């Protein structure tokens, strides 16, 4: 994926990133930047979660911790 081709009209979907090891669960599109991905493992039980944020890949044991990272970084709006 080339970041220079991403503009305000580029929208990715979670299913665009599903692969042999992970299901794409959420995709947070950012203007002029690569999307942030929330992915769930296919093979582990219970599944672990992966957040891909640019060059960073962070692994979490549960969904709540992965979503909390996305909230703290401002990718997910917290309910008021």
PDB file of N, CA and C in Angstrom:
ATOM      1  N   UNK A   1       0.846  -1.163   0.000  1.00  0.00           N
ATOM      2  CA  UNK A   1       0.000   0.000   0.000  1.00  0.00           C
ATOM      3  C   UNK A   1       0.894   1.229   0.000  1.00  0.00           C
ATOM      4  N   UNK A   2       0.591   2.146  -0.869  1.00  0.00           N
ATOM      5  CA  UNK A   2       1.380   3.363  -0.967  1.00  0.00           C
ATOM      6  C   UNK A   2       0.636   4.504  -0.297  1.00  0.00           C
ATOM      7  N   UNK A   3       1.254   5.123   0.678  1.00  0.00           N
ATOM      8  CA  UNK A   3       0.614   6.205   1.418  1.00  0.00           C
ATOM      9  C   UNK A   3       0.360   7.406   0.526  1.00  0.00           C
ATOM     10  N   UNK A   4       1.215   7.648  -0.448  1.00  0.00           N
ATOM     11  CA  UNK A   4       1.039   8.852  -1.275  1.00  0.00           C
ATOM     12  C   UNK A   4      -0.241   8.805  -2.100  1.00  0.00           C
ATOM     13  N   UNK A   5      -0.834   7.635  -2.290  1.00  0.00           N
ATOM     14  CA  UNK A   5      -2.064   7.535  -3.063  1.00  0.00           C
ATOM     15  C   UNK A   5      -3.320   7.660  -2.209  1.00  0.00           C
ATOM     16  N   UNK A   6      -3.167   7.822  -0.919  1.00  0.00           N
ATOM     17  CA  UNK A   6      -4.313   7.911  -0.032  1.00  0.00           C
ATOM     18  C   UNK A   6      -4.728   9.372   0.095  1.00  0.00           C
ATOM     19  N   UNK A   7      -5.972   9.640  -0.234  1.00  0.00           N
ATOM     20  CA  UNK A   7      -6.500  10.994  -0.083  1.00  0.00           C
ATOM     21  C   UNK A   7      -7.817  10.936   0.677  1.00  0.00           C
ATOM     22  N   UNK A   8      -8.519  12.053   0.731  1.00  0.00           N
ATOM     23  CA  UNK A   8      -9.746  12.111   1.524  1.00  0.00           C
ATOM     24  C   UNK A   8     -10.846  11.205   0.987  1.00  0.00           C
ATOM     25  N   UNK A   9     -10.755  10.784  -0.262  1.00  0.00           N
ATOM     26  CA  UNK A   9     -11.776   9.931  -0.859  1.00  0.00           C
ATOM     27  C   UNK A   9     -11.445   8.443  -0.776  1.00  0.00           C
ATOM     28  N   UNK A  10     -10.266   8.094  -0.270  1.00  0.00           N
ATOM     29  CA  UNK A  10      -9.859   6.696  -0.169  1.00  0.00           C
ATOM     30  C   UNK A  10     -10.466   6.088   1.088  1.00  0.00           C
ATOM     31  N   UNK A  11     -11.256   5.071   0.910  1.00  0.00           N
ATOM     32  CA  UNK A  11     -11.846   4.379   2.044  1.00  0.00           C
ATOM     33  C   UNK A  11     -11.554   2.890   1.936  1.00  0.00           C
ATOM     34  N   UNK A  12     -10.908   2.356   2.969  1.00  0.00           N
ATOM     35  CA  UNK A  12     -10.661   0.929   3.047  1.00  0.00           C
ATOM     36  C   UNK A  12     -11.701   0.306   3.950  1.00  0.00           C
ATOM     37  N   UNK A  13     -11.914  -0.984   3.792  1.00  0.00           N
ATOM     38  CA  UNK A  13     -12.867  -1.729   4.610  1.00  0.00           C
ATOM     39  C   UNK A  13     -12.118  -2.848   5.321  1.00  0.00           C
ATOM     40  N   UNK A  14     -12.597  -3.288   6.479  1.00  0.00           N
ATOM     41  CA  UNK A  14     -11.892  -4.344   7.220  1.00  0.00           C
ATOM     42  C   UNK A  14     -11.648  -5.600   6.381  1.00  0.00           C
ATOM     43  N   UNK A  15     -12.597  -5.975   5.556  1.00  0.00           N
ATOM     44  CA  UNK A  15     -12.436  -7.198   4.755  1.00  0.00           C
ATOM     45  C   UNK A  15     -11.305  -7.076   3.733  1.00  0.00           C
ATOM     46  N   UNK A  16     -10.873  -5.861   3.408  1.00  0.00           N
ATOM     47  CA  UNK A  16      -9.757  -5.672   2.478  1.00  0.00           C
ATOM     48  C   UNK A  16      -8.455  -6.237   3.039  1.00  0.00           C
ATOM     49  N   UNK A  17      -8.375  -6.421   4.360  1.00  0.00           N
ATOM     50  CA  UNK A  17      -7.133  -6.821   5.013  1.00  0.00           C
ATOM     51  C   UNK A  17      -7.183  -8.223   5.611  1.00  0.00           C
ATOM     52  N   UNK A  18      -8.294  -8.929   5.454  1.00  0.00           N
ATOM     53  CA  UNK A  18      -8.378 -10.307   5.923  1.00  0.00           C
ATOM     54  C   UNK A  18      -7.387 -11.149   5.129  1.00  0.00           C
ATOM     55  N   UNK A  19      -6.653 -11.999   5.843  1.00  0.00           N
ATOM     56  CA  UNK A  19      -5.664 -12.851   5.178  1.00  0.00           C
ATOM     57  C   UNK A  19      -5.694 -14.247   5.803  1.00  0.00           C
ATOM     58  N   UNK A  20      -4.710 -15.062   5.545  1.00  0.00           N
ATOM     59  CA  UNK A  20      -4.687 -16.426   6.035  1.00  0.00           C
ATOM     60  C   UNK A  20      -4.571 -16.556   7.538  1.00  0.00           C
ATOM     61  N   UNK A  21      -4.082 -15.524   8.206  1.00  0.00           N
ATOM     62  CA  UNK A  21      -3.878 -15.584   9.659  1.00  0.00           C
ATOM     63  C   UNK A  21      -4.832 -14.708  10.470  1.00  0.00           C
ATOM     64  N   UNK A  22      -5.362 -13.657   9.867  1.00  0.00           N
ATOM     65  CA  UNK A  22      -6.183 -12.694  10.612  1.00  0.00           C
ATOM     66  C   UNK A  22      -7.438 -12.303   9.851  1.00  0.00           C
ATOM     67  N   UNK A  23      -8.495 -12.033  10.633  1.00  0.00           N
ATOM     68  CA  UNK A  23      -9.715 -11.428  10.102  1.00  0.00           C
ATOM     69  C   UNK A  23      -9.597  -9.926  10.310  1.00  0.00           C
ATOM     70  N   UNK A  24      -9.906  -9.144   9.296  1.00  0.00           N
ATOM     71  CA  UNK A  24      -9.985  -7.699   9.466  1.00  0.00           C
ATOM     72  C   UNK A  24     -11.292  -7.368  10.178  1.00  0.00           C
ATOM     73  N   UNK A  25     -11.211  -6.774  11.357  1.00  0.00           N
ATOM     74  CA  UNK A  25     -12.409  -6.493  12.157  1.00  0.00           C
ATOM     75  C   UNK A  25     -12.824  -5.023  12.087  1.00  0.00           C
ATOM     76  N   UNK A  26     -11.861  -4.113  12.111  1.00  0.00           N
ATOM     77  CA  UNK A  26     -12.150  -2.685  12.014  1.00  0.00           C
ATOM     78  C   UNK A  26     -11.027  -2.015  11.229  1.00  0.00           C
ATOM     79  N   UNK A  27     -11.398  -0.964  10.539  1.00  0.00           N
ATOM     80  CA  UNK A  27     -10.429  -0.200   9.769  1.00  0.00           C
ATOM     81  C   UNK A  27     -10.740   1.282  10.000  1.00  0.00           C
ATOM     82  N   UNK A  28      -9.785   1.999  10.538  1.00  0.00           N
ATOM     83  CA  UNK A  28      -9.968   3.423  10.807  1.00  0.00           C
ATOM     84  C   UNK A  28      -9.192   4.196   9.736  1.00  0.00           C
ATOM     85  N   UNK A  29      -9.935   4.776   8.805  1.00  0.00           N
ATOM     86  CA  UNK A  29      -9.331   5.529   7.705  1.00  0.00           C
ATOM     87  C   UNK A  29      -8.903   6.900   8.193  1.00  0.00           C
ATOM     88  N   UNK A  30      -7.696   7.294   7.787  1.00  0.00           N
ATOM     89  CA  UNK A  30      -7.166   8.608   8.157  1.00  0.00           C
ATOM     90  C   UNK A  30      -6.781   9.344   6.887  1.00  0.00           C
ATOM     91  N   UNK A  31      -7.059  10.624   6.844  1.00  0.00           N
ATOM     92  CA  UNK A  31      -6.755  11.432   5.663  1.00  0.00           C
ATOM     93  C   UNK A  31      -5.243  11.501   5.446  1.00  0.00           C
ATOM     94  N   UNK A  32      -4.819  11.170   4.235  1.00  0.00           N
ATOM     95  CA  UNK A  32      -3.416  11.240   3.807  1.00  0.00           C
ATOM     96  C   UNK A  32      -2.472  10.356   4.621  1.00  0.00           C
ATOM     97  N   UNK A  33      -3.002   9.332   5.287  1.00  0.00           N
ATOM     98  CA  UNK A  33      -2.173   8.406   6.047  1.00  0.00           C
ATOM     99  C   UNK A  33      -2.708   6.993   5.861  1.00  0.00           C
ATOM    100  N   UNK A  34      -1.879   6.025   6.167  1.00  0.00           N
ATOM    101  CA  UNK A  34      -2.334   4.642   6.062  1.00  0.00           C
ATOM    102  C   UNK A  34      -3.406   4.385   7.117  1.00  0.00           C
ATOM    103  N   UNK A  35      -4.321   3.457   6.854  1.00  0.00           N
ATOM    104  CA  UNK A  35      -5.376   3.174   7.822  1.00  0.00           C
ATOM    105  C   UNK A  35      -4.818   2.446   9.049  1.00  0.00           C
ATOM    106  N   UNK A  36      -5.548   2.530  10.142  1.00  0.00           N
ATOM    107  CA  UNK A  36      -5.233   1.771  11.348  1.00  0.00           C
ATOM    108  C   UNK A  36      -6.154   0.566  11.343  1.00  0.00           C
ATOM    109  N   UNK A  37      -5.573  -0.624  11.535  1.00  0.00           N
ATOM    110  CA  UNK A  37      -6.332  -1.861  11.438  1.00  0.00           C
ATOM    111  C   UNK A  37      -6.468  -2.537  12.783  1.00  0.00           C
ATOM    112  N   UNK A  38      -7.637  -3.080  13.028  1.00  0.00           N
ATOM    113  CA  UNK A  38      -7.889  -3.928  14.190  1.00  0.00           C
ATOM    114  C   UNK A  38      -8.214  -5.302  13.626  1.00  0.00           C
ATOM    115  N   UNK A  39      -7.384  -6.294  13.979  1.00  0.00           N
ATOM    116  CA  UNK A  39      -7.520  -7.621  13.392  1.00  0.00           C
ATOM    117  C   UNK A  39      -7.581  -8.688  14.481  1.00  0.00           C
ATOM    118  N   UNK A  40      -8.306  -9.778  14.200  1.00  0.00           N
ATOM    119  CA  UNK A  40      -8.449 -10.888  15.140  1.00  0.00           C
ATOM    120  C   UNK A  40      -7.816 -12.135  14.533  1.00  0.00           C
ATOM    121  N   UNK A  41      -7.056 -12.862  15.335  1.00  0.00           N
ATOM    122  CA  UNK A  41      -6.388 -14.066  14.837  1.00  0.00           C
ATOM    123  C   UNK A  41      -7.413 -15.146  14.499  1.00  0.00           C
ATOM    124  N   UNK A  42      -7.099 -15.930  13.476  1.00  0.00           N
ATOM    125  CA  UNK A  42      -7.981 -17.018  13.063  1.00  0.00           C
ATOM    126  C   UNK A  42      -7.681 -18.311  13.811  1.00  0.00           C
ATOM    127  N   UNK A  43      -6.435 -18.521  14.214  1.00  0.00           N
ATOM    128  CA  UNK A  43      -6.040 -19.830  14.701  1.00  0.00           C
ATOM    129  C   UNK A  43      -5.955 -19.982  16.215  1.00  0.00           C
ATOM    130  N   UNK A  44      -5.765 -18.934  16.966  1.00  0.00           N
ATOM    131  CA  UNK A  44      -5.609 -19.102  18.409  1.00  0.00           C
ATOM    132  C   UNK A  44      -6.971 -19.125  19.102  1.00  0.00           C
ATOM    133  N   UNK A  45      -7.021 -19.822  20.229  1.00  0.00           N
ATOM    134  CA  UNK A  45      -8.259 -19.930  20.991  1.00  0.00           C
ATOM    135  C   UNK A  45      -7.933 -19.737  22.459  1.00  0.00           C
ATOM    136  N   UNK A  46      -8.327 -18.657  23.124  1.00  0.00           N
ATOM    137  CA  UNK A  46      -9.111 -17.559  22.565  1.00  0.00           C
ATOM    138  C   UNK A  46      -8.261 -16.728  21.606  1.00  0.00           C
ATOM    139  N   UNK A  47      -8.917 -16.020  20.695  1.00  0.00           N
ATOM    140  CA  UNK A  47      -8.154 -15.264  19.698  1.00  0.00           C
ATOM    141  C   UNK A  47      -7.396 -14.094  20.316  1.00  0.00           C
ATOM    142  N   UNK A  48      -6.250 -13.799  19.753  1.00  0.00           N
ATOM    143  CA  UNK A  48      -5.567 -12.578  20.158  1.00  0.00           C
ATOM    144  C   UNK A  48      -5.852 -11.516  19.103  1.00  0.00           C
ATOM    145  N   UNK A  49      -5.572 -10.291  19.458  1.00  0.00           N
ATOM    146  CA  UNK A  49      -5.920  -9.146  18.620  1.00  0.00           C
ATOM    147  C   UNK A  49      -4.659  -8.411  18.201  1.00  0.00           C
ATOM    148  N   UNK A  50      -4.675  -7.913  16.991  1.00  0.00           N
ATOM    149  CA  UNK A  50      -3.548  -7.193  16.427  1.00  0.00           C
ATOM    150  C   UNK A  50      -4.015  -5.815  15.987  1.00  0.00           C
ATOM    151  N   UNK A  51      -3.273  -4.789  16.393  1.00  0.00           N
ATOM    152  CA  UNK A  51      -3.521  -3.430  15.912  1.00  0.00           C
ATOM    153  C   UNK A  51      -2.320  -3.041  15.066  1.00  0.00           C
ATOM    154  N   UNK A  52      -2.559  -2.664  13.827  1.00  0.00           N
ATOM    155  CA  UNK A  52      -1.507  -2.205  12.928  1.00  0.00           C
ATOM    156  C   UNK A  52      -1.700  -0.699  12.752  1.00  0.00           C
ATOM    157  N   UNK A  53      -0.722   0.058  13.225  1.00  0.00           N
ATOM    158  CA  UNK A  53      -0.770   1.520  13.181  1.00  0.00           C
ATOM    159  C   UNK A  53       0.515   1.997  12.514  1.00  0.00           C
ATOM    160  N   UNK A  54       0.454   2.173  11.204  1.00  0.00           N
ATOM    161  CA  UNK A  54       1.662   2.549  10.464  1.00  0.00           C
ATOM    162  C   UNK A  54       2.658   1.407  10.507  1.00  0.00           C
ATOM    163  N   UNK A  55       3.852   1.675  11.036  1.00  0.00           N
ATOM    164  CA  UNK A  55       4.878   0.649  11.149  1.00  0.00           C
ATOM    165  C   UNK A  55       4.754  -0.160  12.439  1.00  0.00           C
ATOM    166  N   UNK A  56       3.893   0.260  13.350  1.00  0.00           N
ATOM    167  CA  UNK A  56       3.741  -0.436  14.634  1.00  0.00           C
ATOM    168  C   UNK A  56       2.746  -1.574  14.516  1.00  0.00           C
ATOM    169  N   UNK A  57       3.063  -2.695  15.127  1.00  0.00           N
ATOM    170  CA  UNK A  57       2.141  -3.814  15.259  1.00  0.00           C
ATOM    171  C   UNK A  57       2.091  -4.172  16.736  1.00  0.00           C
ATOM    172  N   UNK A  58       0.902  -4.067  17.329  1.00  0.00           N
ATOM    173  CA  UNK A  58       0.741  -4.345  18.747  1.00  0.00           C
ATOM    174  C   UNK A  58      -0.232  -5.499  18.922  1.00  0.00           C
ATOM    175  N   UNK A  59       0.108  -6.430  19.790  1.00  0.00           N
ATOM    176  CA  UNK A  59      -0.711  -7.613  20.029  1.00  0.00           C
ATOM    177  C   UNK A  59      -1.351  -7.508  21.405  1.00  0.00           C
ATOM    178  N   UNK A  60      -2.627  -7.883  21.481  1.00  0.00           N
ATOM    179  CA  UNK A  60      -3.383  -7.815  22.727  1.00  0.00           C
ATOM    180  C   UNK A  60      -4.101  -9.142  22.958  1.00  0.00           C
ATOM    181  N   UNK A  61      -4.302  -9.478  24.227  1.00  0.00           N
ATOM    182  CA  UNK A  61      -4.977 -10.730  24.567  1.00  0.00           C
ATOM    183  C   UNK A  61      -6.488 -10.618  24.489  1.00  0.00           C
ATOM    184  N   UNK A  62      -7.010  -9.392  24.520  1.00  0.00           N
ATOM    185  CA  UNK A  62      -8.461  -9.242  24.398  1.00  0.00           C
ATOM    186  C   UNK A  62      -8.806  -7.997  23.596  1.00  0.00           C
ATOM    187  N   UNK A  63     -10.019  -8.005  23.089  1.00  0.00           N
ATOM    188  CA  UNK A  63     -10.483  -6.924  22.213  1.00  0.00           C
ATOM    189  C   UNK A  63     -10.544  -5.593  22.941  1.00  0.00           C
ATOM    190  N   UNK A  64     -10.954  -5.616  24.193  1.00  0.00           N
ATOM    191  CA  UNK A  64     -11.107  -4.376  24.954  1.00  0.00           C
ATOM    192  C   UNK A  64      -9.790  -3.598  25.025  1.00  0.00           C
ATOM    193  N   UNK A  65      -8.683  -4.279  25.241  1.00  0.00           N
ATOM    194  CA  UNK A  65      -7.385  -3.598  25.303  1.00  0.00           C
ATOM    195  C   UNK A  65      -6.988  -3.028  23.941  1.00  0.00           C
ATOM    196  N   UNK A  66      -7.270  -3.766  22.876  1.00  0.00           N
ATOM    197  CA  UNK A  66      -6.942  -3.292  21.530  1.00  0.00           C
ATOM    198  C   UNK A  66      -7.764  -2.052  21.184  1.00  0.00           C
ATOM    199  N   UNK A  67      -9.054  -2.076  21.499  1.00  0.00           N
ATOM    200  CA  UNK A  67      -9.925  -0.928  21.225  1.00  0.00           C
ATOM    201  C   UNK A  67      -9.538   0.248  22.113  1.00  0.00           C
ATOM    202  N   UNK A  68      -9.106  -0.038  23.346  1.00  0.00           N
ATOM    203  CA  UNK A  68      -8.669   1.035  24.243  1.00  0.00           C
ATOM    204  C   UNK A  68      -7.486   1.791  23.644  1.00  0.00           C
ATOM    205  N   UNK A  69      -6.540   1.077  23.043  1.00  0.00           N
ATOM    206  CA  UNK A  69      -5.421   1.750  22.377  1.00  0.00           C
ATOM    207  C   UNK A  69      -5.952   2.684  21.286  1.00  0.00           C
ATOM    208  N   UNK A  70      -6.869   2.188  20.478  1.00  0.00           N
ATOM    209  CA  UNK A  70      -7.423   2.996  19.377  1.00  0.00           C
ATOM    210  C   UNK A  70      -8.158   4.223  19.912  1.00  0.00           C
ATOM    211  N   UNK A  71      -8.837   4.076  21.041  1.00  0.00           N
ATOM    212  CA  UNK A  71      -9.521   5.219  21.655  1.00  0.00           C
ATOM    213  C   UNK A  71      -8.513   6.243  22.171  1.00  0.00           C
ATOM    214  N   UNK A  72      -7.475   5.772  22.854  1.00  0.00           N
ATOM    215  CA  UNK A  72      -6.466   6.691  23.399  1.00  0.00           C
ATOM    216  C   UNK A  72      -5.755   7.465  22.304  1.00  0.00           C
ATOM    217  N   UNK A  73      -5.589   6.848  21.135  1.00  0.00           N
ATOM    218  CA  UNK A  73      -4.922   7.517  20.021  1.00  0.00           C
ATOM    219  C   UNK A  73      -5.874   8.398  19.215  1.00  0.00           C
ATOM    220  N   UNK A  74      -7.170   8.344  19.530  1.00  0.00           N
ATOM    221  CA  UNK A  74      -8.146   9.201  18.861  1.00  0.00           C
ATOM    222  C   UNK A  74      -8.736   8.633  17.593  1.00  0.00           C
ATOM    223  N   UNK A  75      -8.535   7.328  17.343  1.00  0.00           N
ATOM    224  CA  UNK A  75      -9.092   6.713  16.128  1.00  0.00           C
ATOM    225  C   UNK A  75     -10.558   6.332  16.308  1.00  0.00           C
ATOM    226  N   UNK A  76     -10.947   6.069  17.553  1.00  0.00           N
ATOM    227  CA  UNK A  76     -12.329   5.692  17.869  1.00  0.00           C
ATOM    228  C   UNK A  76     -12.864   6.757  18.796  1.00  0.00           C
ATOM    229  N   UNK A  77     -14.031   7.235  18.494  1.00  0.00           N
ATOM    230  CA  UNK A  77     -14.658   8.229  19.367  1.00  0.00           C
ATOM    231  C   UNK A  77     -15.284   7.529  20.554  1.00  0.00           C
ATOM    232  N   UNK A  78     -14.971   8.005  21.752  1.00  0.00           N
ATOM    233  CA  UNK A  78     -15.552   7.436  22.965  1.00  0.00           C
ATOM    234  C   UNK A  78     -16.965   7.966  23.138  1.00  0.00           C
ATOM    235  N   UNK A  79     -17.901   7.112  23.577  1.00  0.00           N
ATOM    236  CA  UNK A  79     -19.249   7.598  23.833  1.00  0.00           C
ATOM    237  C   UNK A  79     -19.255   8.576  25.002  1.00  0.00           C
ATOM    238  N   UNK A  80     -20.091   9.558  24.909  1.00  0.00           N
ATOM    239  CA  UNK A  80     -20.139  10.588  25.978  1.00  0.00           C
ATOM    240  C   UNK A  80     -21.201  10.295  26.966  1.00  0.00           C
TER     241      UNK A  80
END
